[in-house]
Amino acid sequence: MSTPSQGQLSRDEVAHLARLARLAVTDEELVLFAGQLAAVLDAVAQVGKAGVEDVPPTTHAVPMTNVMREDVVRPSLPRETVLAGAPAAEDDRFRVPRILQEEA
């Protein structure tokens, strides 16, 4: 087994990761994946080097604001007018077919 260079994964390490992930890979794929995984690990290492000491922790990159309107009472259609267009009404409500056989 050869010692991998900085940021490189050995073929055995990639084979071990493939076994853990229950992936069947060929020898050619092991070589290919070793290079690809090394590139991913190098990119992650670069992100880890970013100077963020003066950046406050945040859950969103931009401020979030509530975009819903205020909940205010406004005039609407009279109940009788609305129920007049319903196929069936009962006790000042829409009557709909029962979809569950459970007792209410």
Protein backbone atom coordinates (compact mmCIF):
# COMPACT_ATOMS: atom_id res chain seq x y z
CA MET A 1 0.00 0.00 0.00
CA SER A 2 1.50 3.32 -1.03
CA THR A 3 1.34 6.38 1.18
CA PRO A 4 -0.99 8.97 -0.35
CA SER A 5 0.29 12.50 -0.88
CA GLN A 6 -1.27 15.46 0.93
CA GLY A 7 -4.95 15.61 -0.02
CA GLN A 8 -4.85 12.29 -1.89
CA LEU A 9 -6.71 9.15 -0.87
CA SER A 10 -5.20 5.74 -1.35
CA ARG A 11 -6.94 3.11 -3.42
CA ASP A 12 -7.47 1.11 -0.20
CA GLU A 13 -9.12 4.05 1.54
CA VAL A 14 -11.50 4.56 -1.39
CA ALA A 15 -12.26 0.82 -1.43
CA HIS A 16 -13.01 0.99 2.30
CA LEU A 17 -15.36 3.95 1.79
CA ALA A 18 -17.08 2.09 -1.04
CA ARG A 19 -17.59 -0.93 1.22
CA LEU A 20 -19.03 1.27 3.96
CA ALA A 21 -21.43 2.80 1.42
CA ARG A 22 -22.21 -0.68 0.10
CA LEU A 23 -21.11 0.31 -3.40
CA ALA A 24 -19.73 -2.18 -5.88
CA VAL A 25 -16.90 -0.44 -7.74
CA THR A 26 -14.33 -1.64 -10.24
CA ASP A 27 -10.57 -1.12 -9.96
CA GLU A 28 -10.78 1.62 -12.60
CA GLU A 29 -13.50 3.37 -10.64
CA LEU A 30 -11.41 3.22 -7.47
CA VAL A 31 -8.64 5.15 -9.21
CA LEU A 32 -11.13 7.63 -10.69
CA PHE A 33 -12.98 8.13 -7.40
CA ALA A 34 -9.73 8.60 -5.48
CA GLY A 35 -8.92 11.64 -7.63
CA GLN A 36 -12.46 13.00 -7.44
CA LEU A 37 -12.70 12.59 -3.68
CA ALA A 38 -9.31 14.24 -3.27
CA ALA A 39 -10.59 17.25 -5.24
CA VAL A 40 -13.65 17.46 -2.98
CA LEU A 41 -11.52 17.23 0.18
CA ASP A 42 -9.17 19.92 -1.14
CA ALA A 43 -12.16 22.22 -1.82
CA VAL A 44 -13.48 21.64 1.69
CA ALA A 45 -10.04 22.38 3.11
CA GLN A 46 -9.98 25.68 1.19
CA VAL A 47 -13.32 26.68 2.67
CA GLY A 48 -11.97 25.83 6.11
CA LYS A 49 -9.15 28.35 5.59
CA ALA A 50 -11.53 31.27 5.09
CA GLY A 51 -11.13 34.06 7.62
CA VAL A 52 -14.48 34.24 9.35
CA GLU A 53 -13.53 35.43 12.80
CA ASP A 54 -15.31 38.77 12.33
CA VAL A 55 -18.40 37.28 10.65
CA PRO A 56 -21.31 36.83 13.06
CA PRO A 57 -23.10 33.48 13.05
CA THR A 58 -26.27 33.55 11.02
CA THR A 59 -28.88 31.17 9.70
CA HIS A 60 -29.50 33.13 6.47
CA ALA A 61 -27.18 35.10 4.23
CA VAL A 62 -29.74 37.88 3.83
CA PRO A 63 -32.22 39.26 6.37
CA MET A 64 -35.57 37.52 6.39
CA THR A 65 -38.80 39.48 6.62
CA ASN A 66 -42.37 38.34 6.96
CA VAL A 67 -44.12 38.90 3.63
CA MET A 68 -47.65 38.13 4.80
CA ARG A 69 -50.20 40.88 5.12
CA GLU A 70 -51.62 41.98 8.43
CA ASP A 71 -54.48 39.86 9.68
CA VAL A 72 -57.30 42.36 9.85
CA VAL A 73 -61.05 41.85 9.73
CA ARG A 74 -62.53 43.12 6.47
CA PRO A 75 -66.06 43.07 5.06
CA SER A 76 -66.89 39.95 3.06
CA LEU A 77 -69.90 38.40 1.39
CA PRO A 78 -72.91 37.71 3.58
CA ARG A 79 -73.18 34.07 4.69
CA GLU A 80 -76.58 33.68 3.01
CA THR A 81 -75.18 34.80 -0.35
CA VAL A 82 -72.27 32.38 -0.15
CA LEU A 83 -74.38 29.43 0.94
CA ALA A 84 -76.98 30.18 -1.76
CA GLY A 85 -74.47 29.02 -4.37
CA ALA A 86 -73.52 25.84 -2.50
CA PRO A 87 -74.83 22.47 -3.71
CA ALA A 88 -75.83 21.68 -0.10
CA ALA A 89 -75.84 23.60 3.18
CA GLU A 90 -76.66 22.67 6.76
CA ASP A 91 -76.53 24.70 10.00
CA ASP A 92 -75.16 27.76 8.15
CA ARG A 93 -72.24 25.72 6.76
CA PHE A 94 -71.32 23.93 3.55
CA ARG A 95 -72.49 20.32 3.60
CA VAL A 96 -69.95 17.95 2.09
CA PRO A 97 -69.96 14.17 1.74
CA ARG A 98 -68.41 12.22 4.60
CA ILE A 99 -65.03 10.82 3.56
CA LEU A 100 -64.23 8.98 6.78
CA GLN A 101 -66.51 6.40 8.33
CA GLU A 102 -65.61 7.50 11.85
CA GLU A 103 -68.11 9.09 14.16
CA ALA A 104 -67.49 12.78 14.81
